[in-house]
Protein backbone atom coordinates (compact mmCIF):
# COMPACT_ATOMS: atom_id res chain seq x y z
CA UNK A 1 -41.26 -85.37 -57.47
CA UNK A 2 -41.68 -84.50 -53.79
CA UNK A 3 -39.12 -87.11 -52.89
CA UNK A 4 -36.66 -85.56 -55.32
CA UNK A 5 -37.14 -82.09 -53.84
CA UNK A 6 -36.64 -83.44 -50.30
CA UNK A 7 -33.49 -85.23 -51.41
CA UNK A 8 -32.04 -82.09 -53.01
CA UNK A 9 -32.88 -79.94 -49.96
CA UNK A 10 -31.28 -82.53 -47.70
CA UNK A 11 -28.11 -82.56 -49.85
CA UNK A 12 -28.03 -78.74 -49.86
CA UNK A 13 -28.38 -78.57 -46.05
CA UNK A 14 -25.62 -81.11 -45.44
CA UNK A 15 -23.21 -79.53 -47.96
CA UNK A 16 -20.42 -77.63 -46.09
CA UNK A 17 -18.50 -76.25 -49.05
CA UNK A 18 -18.10 -72.44 -48.90
CA UNK A 19 -18.90 -72.02 -45.18
CA UNK A 20 -15.64 -70.16 -44.45
CA UNK A 21 -16.33 -67.66 -47.19
CA UNK A 22 -19.85 -67.08 -45.93
CA UNK A 23 -18.66 -66.66 -42.35
CA UNK A 24 -15.97 -64.22 -43.48
CA UNK A 25 -18.53 -62.15 -45.39
CA UNK A 26 -20.66 -61.94 -42.23
CA UNK A 27 -17.99 -61.43 -39.55
CA UNK A 28 -15.23 -59.36 -41.20
CA UNK A 29 -17.33 -56.15 -41.35
CA UNK A 30 -18.38 -56.74 -37.73
CA UNK A 31 -14.75 -57.21 -36.62
CA UNK A 32 -13.55 -54.16 -38.56
CA UNK A 33 -16.31 -52.03 -37.00
CA UNK A 34 -15.42 -53.30 -33.56
CA UNK A 35 -11.70 -52.58 -34.09
CA UNK A 36 -12.27 -49.04 -35.39
CA UNK A 37 -14.69 -48.24 -32.54
CA UNK A 38 -12.24 -49.59 -29.97
CA UNK A 39 -9.41 -47.55 -31.48
CA UNK A 40 -11.57 -44.40 -31.58
CA UNK A 41 -12.68 -44.74 -27.95
CA UNK A 42 -9.15 -45.50 -26.78
CA UNK A 43 -7.82 -42.46 -28.63
CA UNK A 44 -10.60 -40.24 -27.25
CA UNK A 45 -9.92 -41.23 -23.65
CA UNK A 46 -6.17 -40.95 -24.15
CA UNK A 47 -6.74 -37.42 -25.40
CA UNK A 48 -9.10 -36.72 -22.47
CA UNK A 49 -6.42 -37.85 -20.00
CA UNK A 50 -3.79 -35.63 -21.64
CA UNK A 51 -6.16 -32.66 -21.48
CA UNK A 52 -7.04 -33.27 -17.84
CA UNK A 53 -3.36 -33.40 -16.92
CA UNK A 54 -2.73 -30.21 -18.90
CA UNK A 55 -5.62 -28.46 -17.11
CA UNK A 56 -4.19 -29.42 -13.71
CA UNK A 57 -0.74 -28.25 -14.79
CA UNK A 58 -2.11 -24.84 -15.83
CA UNK A 59 -4.10 -24.63 -12.60
CA UNK A 60 -1.02 -25.47 -10.54
CA UNK A 61 1.11 -22.90 -12.40
CA UNK A 62 -1.52 -20.23 -11.74
CA UNK A 63 -1.75 -21.15 -8.06
CA UNK A 64 2.00 -20.54 -7.70
CA UNK A 65 1.88 -17.16 -9.44
CA UNK A 66 2.81 -14.21 -7.21
CA UNK A 67 2.95 -11.51 -9.87
CA UNK A 68 -0.10 -10.09 -11.60
CA UNK A 69 -1.37 -12.19 -14.48
CA UNK A 70 -1.26 -10.56 -17.92
CA UNK A 71 -2.91 -11.34 -21.23
CA UNK A 72 0.43 -12.64 -22.53
CA UNK A 73 0.69 -14.98 -19.54
CA UNK A 74 -2.73 -16.51 -20.32
CA UNK A 75 -1.77 -16.85 -23.99
CA UNK A 76 1.34 -18.69 -22.78
CA UNK A 77 -0.86 -21.05 -20.73
CA UNK A 78 -2.81 -21.94 -23.87
CA UNK A 79 0.49 -22.65 -25.64
CA UNK A 80 1.53 -24.80 -22.66
CA UNK A 81 -1.65 -26.84 -23.07
CA UNK A 82 -0.86 -27.35 -26.76
CA UNK A 83 2.66 -28.46 -25.89
CA UNK A 84 1.55 -30.87 -23.15
CA UNK A 85 -1.10 -32.54 -25.28
CA UNK A 86 0.93 -32.50 -28.51
CA UNK A 87 -2.11 -31.44 -30.50
CA UNK A 88 -2.97 -28.73 -33.00
CA UNK A 89 -6.66 -28.63 -32.04
CA UNK A 90 -8.35 -25.46 -30.83
CA UNK A 91 -7.91 -24.84 -27.10
CA UNK A 92 -10.04 -22.67 -24.86
CA UNK A 93 -9.10 -21.47 -21.40
CA UNK A 94 -10.91 -19.41 -18.79
CA UNK A 95 -9.38 -18.30 -15.49
CA UNK A 96 -11.64 -16.84 -12.82
CA UNK A 97 -10.82 -15.79 -9.27
CA UNK A 98 -13.73 -16.22 -6.91
CA UNK A 99 -13.92 -14.71 -3.42
CA UNK A 100 -16.33 -15.78 -0.69
CA UNK A 101 -18.13 -13.16 1.40
CA UNK A 102 -19.32 -14.88 4.60
CA UNK A 103 -21.40 -11.88 5.74
CA UNK A 104 -23.59 -12.11 2.64
CA UNK A 105 -22.98 -15.87 2.16
CA UNK A 106 -22.14 -15.16 -1.46
CA UNK A 107 -19.40 -15.94 -3.96
CA UNK A 108 -18.06 -12.95 -5.87
CA UNK A 109 -16.03 -12.82 -9.08
CA UNK A 110 -12.86 -10.76 -8.64
CA UNK A 111 -11.85 -11.12 -12.28
CA UNK A 112 -12.36 -13.53 -15.14
CA UNK A 113 -10.58 -13.82 -18.48
CA UNK A 114 -11.11 -16.26 -21.29
CA UNK A 115 -9.32 -17.45 -24.40
CA UNK A 116 -10.73 -19.36 -27.35
CA UNK A 117 -14.46 -20.04 -27.08
CA UNK A 118 -14.64 -18.82 -23.48
CA UNK A 119 -15.46 -15.28 -22.44
CA UNK A 120 -15.20 -13.89 -18.92
CA UNK A 121 -17.51 -15.60 -16.44
CA UNK A 122 -20.62 -13.68 -15.35
CA UNK A 123 -22.43 -13.76 -12.00
CA UNK A 124 -25.27 -15.87 -13.40
CA UNK A 125 -22.83 -18.48 -14.65
CA UNK A 126 -21.06 -18.49 -11.28
CA UNK A 127 -24.30 -19.35 -9.47
CA UNK A 128 -24.59 -22.54 -11.54
CA UNK A 129 -21.02 -23.55 -10.58
CA UNK A 130 -21.17 -22.76 -6.83
CA UNK A 131 -21.87 -26.40 -5.93
CA UNK A 132 -18.57 -27.40 -7.53
CA UNK A 133 -16.54 -24.97 -5.41
CA UNK A 134 -14.97 -26.09 -2.12
CA UNK A 135 -16.08 -24.69 1.24
CA UNK A 136 -14.34 -21.37 1.71
CA UNK A 137 -13.53 -19.06 4.60
CA UNK A 138 -14.54 -15.40 4.71
CA UNK A 139 -12.63 -13.36 2.07
CA UNK A 140 -10.81 -16.45 0.82
CA UNK A 141 -10.21 -16.61 -2.92
CA UNK A 142 -9.86 -19.61 -5.20
CA UNK A 143 -8.75 -19.90 -8.79
CA UNK A 144 -11.22 -21.59 -11.13
CA UNK A 145 -9.62 -22.88 -14.31
CA UNK A 146 -11.80 -24.17 -17.13
CA UNK A 147 -10.36 -25.72 -20.26
CA UNK A 148 -11.93 -27.10 -23.39
CA UNK A 149 -10.39 -28.76 -26.42
CA UNK A 150 -11.82 -29.60 -29.81
CA UNK A 151 -11.36 -33.23 -30.77
CA UNK A 152 -11.73 -34.95 -34.12
CA UNK A 153 -11.92 -38.74 -33.75
CA UNK A 154 -9.91 -40.82 -36.22
CA UNK A 155 -13.11 -42.69 -37.17
CA UNK A 156 -16.70 -41.51 -36.92
CA UNK A 157 -18.33 -43.07 -33.86
CA UNK A 158 -21.73 -42.85 -32.29
CA UNK A 159 -22.63 -40.29 -29.62
CA UNK A 160 -20.32 -41.66 -26.91
CA UNK A 161 -17.52 -39.22 -27.74
CA UNK A 162 -19.20 -35.84 -27.24
CA UNK A 163 -17.81 -32.33 -27.09
CA UNK A 164 -18.53 -32.14 -23.33
CA UNK A 165 -16.03 -34.93 -22.72
CA UNK A 166 -13.15 -32.53 -23.34
CA UNK A 167 -14.24 -29.85 -20.84
CA UNK A 168 -12.24 -29.66 -17.59
CA UNK A 169 -13.10 -27.72 -14.44
CA UNK A 170 -10.43 -27.35 -11.75
CA UNK A 171 -10.22 -25.29 -8.58
CA UNK A 172 -6.98 -24.31 -6.84
CA UNK A 173 -6.11 -22.13 -3.91
CA UNK A 174 -3.31 -19.58 -4.34
CA UNK A 175 -0.17 -20.97 -2.69
CA UNK A 176 2.19 -18.05 -2.16
CA UNK A 177 -0.13 -15.02 -2.31
CA UNK A 178 -3.56 -14.33 -0.82
CA UNK A 179 -5.09 -13.99 -4.29
CA UNK A 180 -4.29 -14.12 -7.99
CA UNK A 181 -4.37 -10.62 -9.45
CA UNK A 182 -5.15 -9.56 -13.02
CA UNK A 183 -2.74 -6.90 -14.26
CA UNK A 184 -5.48 -4.54 -15.48
CA UNK A 185 -7.02 -4.33 -11.97
CA UNK A 186 -3.89 -2.79 -10.50
CA UNK A 187 -3.91 0.97 -10.03
CA UNK A 188 -0.91 3.25 -10.40
CA UNK A 189 0.51 2.35 -6.98
CA UNK A 190 0.26 -1.39 -7.63
CA UNK A 191 -2.58 -1.98 -5.14
CA UNK A 192 -5.76 -3.83 -5.96
């Protein structure tokens, strides 16, 4: 009886019929998961690259602005981001002009306006971002542009593709004017 059992087990172990089916059952789900994850990560980083380029384009356009910036102009910048990224997702934009006061060794917010999920930047928020600003001369102003985009991956992936991935922070110096002016800060004579 024991000899018969050993013989049957030996025949079962040496039998190779059905191996391809068994291997397919094991590896096809693994390969499909790997392909969908690869596609999702590629798409996420493609979208991140498009959004970074759009953020730099908006920042560059603002740095070349010589007229006062209006609410309609900022709305147009959000539409420009949508056009450049070819996406219908929700976009957020915040533009802040920051001036450096060397006497007090302090950064000051001249004005800040946001669209989407952003609101105007406050002094407390500026203090957390000071390390990301370049070294500045006395009374020099820079334009801080922050963008954020919502992203829905084509396939659900683990925590590698987070909401923070689609936040961009850029700093530009005004090119043709000493500072970027918000239209509401102008008085009747057109002075700041």
